[in-house]
Amino acid sequence: MQMPDVNVLVDAWHVDSAFHLRASDWLNQAVTSPTPLGLSDHVLSGAIRILTNPRIPGMAWPIEDVLDVVDDLVSSPGTGIIRPGRRHWTSFTDLCRKLGATGNLTPDCYLAALAIENKATFVSRDRFFASVPGLTWSDLPDN
């Protein structure tokens, strides 16, 4: 299973992003791949938050447009919403302690624990994830 980070989805859908081609190519391949695509509701809501934020230059998409794009992704064959299971909280708090995570790193640990629990490769441009013990992480491939 592959699991994208917020930055991958935003880059895939935001045509002015410097990473748009890499991210959109990856997402298109991930949707059609035999490897399942796991989507976190936290990642999806984060992408919606960023894409509709009028304070970010080039964003402020109409909410209906963003929801349509997200709904299309969620309803694609081979994709599914993954949610925390029984071990998630312990894994999350263990990662926070091991990594000394505070502030903005805590949601990253949350997503890392979710990926670990679901045996997913976490795909993100954020290199912090390379330091997370037990996490299989991948950056976007070069085109």
N, C-alpha and C. Protein backbone atom coordinates (compact mmCIF):
# COMPACT_ATOMS: atom_id res chain seq x y z
N MET A 1 0.85 -1.18 0.00
CA MET A 1 0.00 0.00 0.00
C MET A 1 0.89 1.24 0.00
N GLN A 2 0.45 2.25 -0.71
CA GLN A 2 1.09 3.56 -0.70
C GLN A 2 0.14 4.56 -0.06
N MET A 3 0.71 5.51 0.67
CA MET A 3 -0.10 6.52 1.36
C MET A 3 0.53 7.89 1.13
N PRO A 4 -0.16 8.79 0.44
CA PRO A 4 0.41 10.11 0.18
C PRO A 4 0.25 11.08 1.35
N ASP A 5 1.19 12.00 1.42
CA ASP A 5 1.14 13.10 2.37
C ASP A 5 0.35 14.26 1.76
N VAL A 6 0.01 15.22 2.58
CA VAL A 6 -0.72 16.40 2.12
C VAL A 6 0.02 17.09 0.97
N ASN A 7 1.35 17.25 1.12
CA ASN A 7 2.10 17.99 0.10
C ASN A 7 2.03 17.31 -1.27
N VAL A 8 1.92 16.00 -1.30
CA VAL A 8 1.83 15.29 -2.58
C VAL A 8 0.50 15.60 -3.26
N LEU A 9 -0.58 15.56 -2.51
CA LEU A 9 -1.89 15.85 -3.11
C LEU A 9 -2.00 17.31 -3.54
N VAL A 10 -1.54 18.22 -2.71
CA VAL A 10 -1.60 19.64 -3.07
C VAL A 10 -0.78 19.88 -4.33
N ASP A 11 0.43 19.34 -4.38
CA ASP A 11 1.27 19.52 -5.57
C ASP A 11 0.65 18.88 -6.80
N ALA A 12 0.00 17.75 -6.64
CA ALA A 12 -0.63 17.07 -7.78
C ALA A 12 -1.77 17.89 -8.36
N TRP A 13 -2.48 18.61 -7.52
CA TRP A 13 -3.66 19.34 -7.98
C TRP A 13 -3.39 20.82 -8.24
N HIS A 14 -2.30 21.36 -7.73
CA HIS A 14 -1.99 22.78 -7.89
C HIS A 14 -1.01 22.94 -9.06
N VAL A 15 -1.53 23.34 -10.21
CA VAL A 15 -0.73 23.36 -11.44
C VAL A 15 0.44 24.34 -11.39
N ASP A 16 0.42 25.31 -10.50
CA ASP A 16 1.53 26.26 -10.40
C ASP A 16 2.64 25.79 -9.46
N SER A 17 2.46 24.64 -8.85
CA SER A 17 3.48 24.11 -7.96
C SER A 17 4.71 23.68 -8.77
N ALA A 18 5.88 23.92 -8.21
CA ALA A 18 7.12 23.47 -8.86
C ALA A 18 7.19 21.95 -8.93
N PHE A 19 6.42 21.27 -8.11
CA PHE A 19 6.42 19.81 -8.06
C PHE A 19 5.19 19.20 -8.73
N HIS A 20 4.41 20.03 -9.42
CA HIS A 20 3.14 19.56 -9.98
C HIS A 20 3.31 18.35 -10.89
N LEU A 21 4.20 18.41 -11.84
CA LEU A 21 4.34 17.29 -12.78
C LEU A 21 4.74 16.01 -12.07
N ARG A 22 5.72 16.09 -11.18
CA ARG A 22 6.14 14.90 -10.44
C ARG A 22 5.00 14.34 -9.61
N ALA A 23 4.29 15.22 -8.91
CA ALA A 23 3.22 14.76 -8.02
C ALA A 23 2.02 14.24 -8.81
N SER A 24 1.63 14.93 -9.86
CA SER A 24 0.47 14.47 -10.63
C SER A 24 0.79 13.17 -11.36
N ASP A 25 2.01 13.03 -11.88
CA ASP A 25 2.40 11.76 -12.50
C ASP A 25 2.35 10.63 -11.48
N TRP A 26 2.91 10.89 -10.28
CA TRP A 26 2.89 9.86 -9.24
C TRP A 26 1.46 9.49 -8.87
N LEU A 27 0.60 10.49 -8.66
CA LEU A 27 -0.77 10.21 -8.25
C LEU A 27 -1.53 9.45 -9.33
N ASN A 28 -1.37 9.85 -10.59
CA ASN A 28 -2.03 9.13 -11.68
C ASN A 28 -1.58 7.68 -11.75
N GLN A 29 -0.28 7.45 -11.57
CA GLN A 29 0.23 6.08 -11.58
C GLN A 29 -0.26 5.31 -10.35
N ALA A 30 -0.30 5.97 -9.20
CA ALA A 30 -0.74 5.31 -7.97
C ALA A 30 -2.20 4.88 -8.06
N VAL A 31 -3.02 5.70 -8.68
CA VAL A 31 -4.45 5.38 -8.80
C VAL A 31 -4.67 4.18 -9.72
N THR A 32 -3.82 4.01 -10.72
CA THR A 32 -3.99 2.90 -11.67
C THR A 32 -3.12 1.69 -11.34
N SER A 33 -2.31 1.78 -10.32
CA SER A 33 -1.40 0.71 -9.94
C SER A 33 -2.16 -0.43 -9.25
N PRO A 34 -1.64 -1.66 -9.36
CA PRO A 34 -2.25 -2.75 -8.60
C PRO A 34 -1.99 -2.63 -7.09
N THR A 35 -1.02 -1.80 -6.71
CA THR A 35 -0.75 -1.55 -5.30
C THR A 35 -1.83 -0.62 -4.76
N PRO A 36 -2.50 -1.00 -3.66
CA PRO A 36 -3.56 -0.14 -3.12
C PRO A 36 -3.03 1.24 -2.72
N LEU A 37 -3.91 2.22 -2.81
CA LEU A 37 -3.61 3.58 -2.40
C LEU A 37 -4.44 3.87 -1.15
N GLY A 38 -3.75 4.06 -0.03
CA GLY A 38 -4.42 4.35 1.23
C GLY A 38 -4.47 5.85 1.48
N LEU A 39 -5.64 6.34 1.77
CA LEU A 39 -5.85 7.78 1.97
C LEU A 39 -6.28 8.03 3.41
N SER A 40 -5.57 8.93 4.05
CA SER A 40 -5.93 9.34 5.41
C SER A 40 -6.91 10.50 5.34
N ASP A 41 -7.93 10.44 6.17
CA ASP A 41 -8.86 11.58 6.19
C ASP A 41 -8.17 12.85 6.67
N HIS A 42 -7.11 12.70 7.48
CA HIS A 42 -6.35 13.87 7.91
C HIS A 42 -5.60 14.49 6.73
N VAL A 43 -5.06 13.66 5.87
CA VAL A 43 -4.36 14.16 4.68
C VAL A 43 -5.36 14.81 3.73
N LEU A 44 -6.49 14.16 3.51
CA LEU A 44 -7.49 14.73 2.61
C LEU A 44 -8.01 16.07 3.12
N SER A 45 -8.31 16.14 4.41
CA SER A 45 -8.81 17.42 4.96
C SER A 45 -7.72 18.48 4.95
N GLY A 46 -6.47 18.08 5.13
CA GLY A 46 -5.36 19.03 5.05
C GLY A 46 -5.20 19.60 3.65
N ALA A 47 -5.35 18.75 2.63
CA ALA A 47 -5.27 19.23 1.25
C ALA A 47 -6.42 20.19 0.96
N ILE A 48 -7.60 19.87 1.44
CA ILE A 48 -8.76 20.76 1.26
C ILE A 48 -8.50 22.10 1.94
N ARG A 49 -7.95 22.05 3.15
CA ARG A 49 -7.65 23.28 3.91
C ARG A 49 -6.68 24.17 3.14
N ILE A 50 -5.64 23.59 2.59
CA ILE A 50 -4.63 24.39 1.87
C ILE A 50 -5.18 24.90 0.55
N LEU A 51 -5.83 24.04 -0.21
CA LEU A 51 -6.30 24.44 -1.54
C LEU A 51 -7.40 25.49 -1.51
N THR A 52 -8.10 25.61 -0.40
CA THR A 52 -9.18 26.61 -0.29
C THR A 52 -8.77 27.84 0.52
N ASN A 53 -7.50 27.92 0.91
CA ASN A 53 -7.05 29.02 1.77
C ASN A 53 -6.76 30.27 0.94
N PRO A 54 -7.54 31.33 1.13
CA PRO A 54 -7.34 32.54 0.33
C PRO A 54 -6.05 33.29 0.69
N ARG A 55 -5.42 32.95 1.81
CA ARG A 55 -4.18 33.63 2.20
C ARG A 55 -2.95 33.06 1.49
N ILE A 56 -3.12 31.93 0.82
CA ILE A 56 -1.99 31.32 0.11
C ILE A 56 -2.10 31.70 -1.36
N PRO A 57 -1.07 32.36 -1.89
CA PRO A 57 -1.13 32.79 -3.30
C PRO A 57 -1.41 31.63 -4.26
N GLY A 58 -2.35 31.86 -5.15
CA GLY A 58 -2.70 30.86 -6.15
C GLY A 58 -3.66 29.79 -5.67
N MET A 59 -4.05 29.86 -4.42
CA MET A 59 -4.97 28.86 -3.90
C MET A 59 -6.38 29.43 -3.95
N ALA A 60 -7.12 29.27 -2.90
CA ALA A 60 -8.50 29.75 -2.80
C ALA A 60 -9.39 29.15 -3.87
N TRP A 61 -9.23 27.85 -4.10
CA TRP A 61 -10.15 27.16 -5.00
C TRP A 61 -11.55 27.21 -4.40
N PRO A 62 -12.57 27.22 -5.22
CA PRO A 62 -13.93 27.07 -4.69
C PRO A 62 -14.06 25.70 -4.01
N ILE A 63 -14.72 25.69 -2.88
CA ILE A 63 -14.83 24.45 -2.10
C ILE A 63 -15.44 23.31 -2.92
N GLU A 64 -16.43 23.61 -3.74
CA GLU A 64 -17.06 22.55 -4.55
C GLU A 64 -16.06 21.91 -5.51
N ASP A 65 -15.17 22.72 -6.09
CA ASP A 65 -14.16 22.18 -7.01
C ASP A 65 -13.21 21.24 -6.28
N VAL A 66 -12.76 21.66 -5.11
CA VAL A 66 -11.83 20.83 -4.34
C VAL A 66 -12.51 19.54 -3.90
N LEU A 67 -13.73 19.66 -3.39
CA LEU A 67 -14.44 18.46 -2.95
C LEU A 67 -14.67 17.49 -4.10
N ASP A 68 -14.94 18.01 -5.29
CA ASP A 68 -15.12 17.14 -6.46
C ASP A 68 -13.83 16.38 -6.78
N VAL A 69 -12.70 17.07 -6.73
CA VAL A 69 -11.41 16.42 -7.01
C VAL A 69 -11.11 15.35 -5.96
N VAL A 70 -11.34 15.68 -4.70
CA VAL A 70 -11.09 14.73 -3.63
C VAL A 70 -12.06 13.55 -3.73
N ASP A 71 -13.32 13.81 -4.00
CA ASP A 71 -14.30 12.73 -4.16
C ASP A 71 -13.91 11.80 -5.31
N ASP A 72 -13.42 12.37 -6.41
CA ASP A 72 -12.97 11.54 -7.53
C ASP A 72 -11.83 10.62 -7.10
N LEU A 73 -10.90 11.15 -6.34
CA LEU A 73 -9.79 10.33 -5.87
C LEU A 73 -10.27 9.23 -4.94
N VAL A 74 -11.09 9.60 -3.98
CA VAL A 74 -11.58 8.63 -2.99
C VAL A 74 -12.38 7.51 -3.65
N SER A 75 -13.10 7.83 -4.71
CA SER A 75 -13.93 6.82 -5.37
C SER A 75 -13.19 6.03 -6.44
N SER A 76 -11.91 6.32 -6.65
CA SER A 76 -11.14 5.59 -7.65
C SER A 76 -10.95 4.14 -7.21
N PRO A 77 -10.98 3.21 -8.16
CA PRO A 77 -10.72 1.81 -7.81
C PRO A 77 -9.32 1.66 -7.20
N GLY A 78 -9.21 0.81 -6.23
CA GLY A 78 -7.91 0.57 -5.61
C GLY A 78 -7.53 1.56 -4.53
N THR A 79 -8.41 2.52 -4.25
CA THR A 79 -8.15 3.46 -3.17
C THR A 79 -9.09 3.18 -2.01
N GLY A 80 -8.66 3.57 -0.84
CA GLY A 80 -9.51 3.41 0.33
C GLY A 80 -9.05 4.34 1.43
N ILE A 81 -9.96 4.66 2.31
CA ILE A 81 -9.65 5.48 3.48
C ILE A 81 -9.07 4.54 4.54
N ILE A 82 -7.92 4.92 5.07
CA ILE A 82 -7.35 4.13 6.17
C ILE A 82 -7.49 4.93 7.45
N ARG A 83 -7.85 4.22 8.50
CA ARG A 83 -8.10 4.87 9.78
C ARG A 83 -7.26 4.21 10.87
N PRO A 84 -7.04 4.93 11.95
CA PRO A 84 -6.26 4.36 13.04
C PRO A 84 -6.91 3.11 13.61
N GLY A 85 -6.07 2.15 13.94
CA GLY A 85 -6.53 0.93 14.59
C GLY A 85 -6.14 0.93 16.06
N ARG A 86 -6.15 -0.25 16.63
CA ARG A 86 -5.93 -0.39 18.07
C ARG A 86 -4.53 0.03 18.52
N ARG A 87 -3.53 -0.18 17.66
CA ARG A 87 -2.15 0.11 18.05
C ARG A 87 -1.72 1.54 17.72
N HIS A 88 -2.56 2.27 17.03
CA HIS A 88 -2.14 3.58 16.52
C HIS A 88 -1.71 4.55 17.61
N TRP A 89 -2.51 4.70 18.65
CA TRP A 89 -2.20 5.70 19.67
C TRP A 89 -0.85 5.41 20.33
N THR A 90 -0.61 4.15 20.65
CA THR A 90 0.67 3.78 21.26
C THR A 90 1.82 4.04 20.31
N SER A 91 1.65 3.68 19.05
CA SER A 91 2.69 3.92 18.05
C SER A 91 2.95 5.42 17.90
N PHE A 92 1.88 6.20 17.84
CA PHE A 92 1.99 7.66 17.72
C PHE A 92 2.75 8.27 18.89
N THR A 93 2.35 7.93 20.10
CA THR A 93 3.01 8.52 21.27
C THR A 93 4.45 8.03 21.40
N ASP A 94 4.71 6.77 21.03
CA ASP A 94 6.09 6.27 21.04
C ASP A 94 6.96 7.06 20.07
N LEU A 95 6.45 7.32 18.87
CA LEU A 95 7.21 8.10 17.89
C LEU A 95 7.47 9.52 18.39
N CYS A 96 6.45 10.14 18.99
CA CYS A 96 6.63 11.50 19.53
C CYS A 96 7.74 11.51 20.57
N ARG A 97 7.75 10.51 21.43
CA ARG A 97 8.78 10.45 22.47
C ARG A 97 10.17 10.18 21.87
N LYS A 98 10.26 9.19 21.00
CA LYS A 98 11.55 8.82 20.41
C LYS A 98 12.16 9.97 19.62
N LEU A 99 11.32 10.70 18.90
CA LEU A 99 11.81 11.76 18.02
C LEU A 99 11.80 13.14 18.69
N GLY A 100 11.29 13.20 19.92
CA GLY A 100 11.19 14.49 20.60
C GLY A 100 10.28 15.44 19.84
N ALA A 101 9.24 14.88 19.24
CA ALA A 101 8.36 15.67 18.37
C ALA A 101 7.50 16.62 19.20
N THR A 102 7.47 17.86 18.74
CA THR A 102 6.59 18.87 19.32
C THR A 102 6.03 19.70 18.18
N GLY A 103 5.03 20.48 18.47
CA GLY A 103 4.48 21.42 17.48
C GLY A 103 4.11 20.76 16.17
N ASN A 104 4.65 21.29 15.08
CA ASN A 104 4.27 20.83 13.74
C ASN A 104 4.71 19.41 13.43
N LEU A 105 5.63 18.84 14.22
CA LEU A 105 6.05 17.47 13.96
C LEU A 105 5.08 16.44 14.52
N THR A 106 4.20 16.85 15.44
CA THR A 106 3.28 15.87 16.01
C THR A 106 2.29 15.32 14.98
N PRO A 107 1.70 16.14 14.09
CA PRO A 107 0.83 15.52 13.08
C PRO A 107 1.62 14.64 12.11
N ASP A 108 2.90 14.95 11.90
CA ASP A 108 3.72 14.08 11.06
C ASP A 108 3.90 12.72 11.72
N CYS A 109 4.12 12.71 13.02
CA CYS A 109 4.22 11.44 13.75
C CYS A 109 2.89 10.68 13.70
N TYR A 110 1.80 11.39 13.77
CA TYR A 110 0.48 10.77 13.68
C TYR A 110 0.33 10.03 12.35
N LEU A 111 0.69 10.71 11.25
CA LEU A 111 0.59 10.09 9.93
C LEU A 111 1.58 8.95 9.77
N ALA A 112 2.79 9.12 10.30
CA ALA A 112 3.78 8.05 10.23
C ALA A 112 3.28 6.81 10.96
N ALA A 113 2.69 6.99 12.14
CA ALA A 113 2.15 5.86 12.89
C ALA A 113 1.02 5.18 12.11
N LEU A 114 0.22 5.95 11.43
CA LEU A 114 -0.86 5.39 10.62
C LEU A 114 -0.30 4.56 9.47
N ALA A 115 0.73 5.07 8.81
CA ALA A 115 1.36 4.33 7.72
C ALA A 115 2.02 3.05 8.23
N ILE A 116 2.72 3.14 9.35
CA ILE A 116 3.37 1.96 9.93
C ILE A 116 2.33 0.91 10.27
N GLU A 117 1.26 1.32 10.92
CA GLU A 117 0.21 0.38 11.33
C GLU A 117 -0.41 -0.33 10.13
N ASN A 118 -0.51 0.37 9.02
CA ASN A 118 -1.14 -0.20 7.82
C ASN A 118 -0.12 -0.76 6.83
N LYS A 119 1.15 -0.82 7.25
CA LYS A 119 2.22 -1.36 6.41
C LYS A 119 2.27 -0.65 5.06
N ALA A 120 2.10 0.65 5.09
CA ALA A 120 2.08 1.46 3.87
C ALA A 120 3.40 2.19 3.70
N THR A 121 3.77 2.40 2.45
CA THR A 121 4.88 3.29 2.13
C THR A 121 4.33 4.70 2.13
N PHE A 122 4.90 5.55 2.97
CA PHE A 122 4.44 6.93 3.07
C PHE A 122 5.19 7.76 2.04
N VAL A 123 4.46 8.42 1.16
CA VAL A 123 5.05 9.20 0.08
C VAL A 123 4.91 10.68 0.42
N SER A 124 6.06 11.35 0.55
CA SER A 124 6.07 12.75 0.96
C SER A 124 7.35 13.42 0.48
N ARG A 125 7.25 14.71 0.20
CA ARG A 125 8.46 15.48 -0.09
C ARG A 125 9.17 15.90 1.19
N ASP A 126 8.56 15.71 2.32
CA ASP A 126 9.11 16.10 3.62
C ASP A 126 10.12 15.05 4.08
N ARG A 127 11.38 15.42 4.10
CA ARG A 127 12.45 14.48 4.44
C ARG A 127 12.49 14.10 5.92
N PHE A 128 11.69 14.75 6.74
CA PHE A 128 11.59 14.35 8.14
C PHE A 128 11.24 12.87 8.23
N PHE A 129 10.40 12.41 7.33
CA PHE A 129 9.91 11.04 7.41
C PHE A 129 11.01 10.00 7.21
N ALA A 130 12.13 10.39 6.61
CA ALA A 130 13.26 9.47 6.46
C ALA A 130 13.85 9.10 7.82
N SER A 131 13.63 9.93 8.83
CA SER A 131 14.20 9.69 10.16
C SER A 131 13.26 8.92 11.09
N VAL A 132 12.09 8.57 10.62
CA VAL A 132 11.11 7.92 11.49
C VAL A 132 11.38 6.41 11.54
N PRO A 133 11.70 5.89 12.74
CA PRO A 133 11.99 4.46 12.84
C PRO A 133 10.75 3.62 12.52
N GLY A 134 10.98 2.59 11.72
CA GLY A 134 9.90 1.67 11.37
C GLY A 134 9.04 2.09 10.20
N LEU A 135 9.26 3.30 9.68
CA LEU A 135 8.46 3.81 8.57
C LEU A 135 9.15 3.55 7.25
N THR A 136 8.40 3.04 6.29
CA THR A 136 8.88 2.96 4.92
C THR A 136 8.43 4.25 4.24
N TRP A 137 9.41 5.04 3.81
CA TRP A 137 9.15 6.37 3.26
C TRP A 137 9.72 6.47 1.86
N SER A 138 9.05 7.25 1.02
CA SER A 138 9.53 7.51 -0.33
C SER A 138 9.25 8.96 -0.69
N ASP A 139 10.22 9.58 -1.33
CA ASP A 139 10.01 10.89 -1.93
C ASP A 139 9.36 10.66 -3.29
N LEU A 140 8.86 11.72 -3.88
CA LEU A 140 8.33 11.61 -5.24
C LEU A 140 9.47 11.23 -6.19
N PRO A 141 9.22 10.32 -7.12
CA PRO A 141 10.28 10.00 -8.08
C PRO A 141 10.52 11.18 -9.02
N ASP A 142 11.74 11.27 -9.52
CA ASP A 142 12.05 12.28 -10.53
C ASP A 142 11.41 11.86 -11.84
N ASN A 143 10.99 12.85 -12.62
CA ASN A 143 10.39 12.54 -13.93
C ASN A 143 11.48 12.24 -14.93
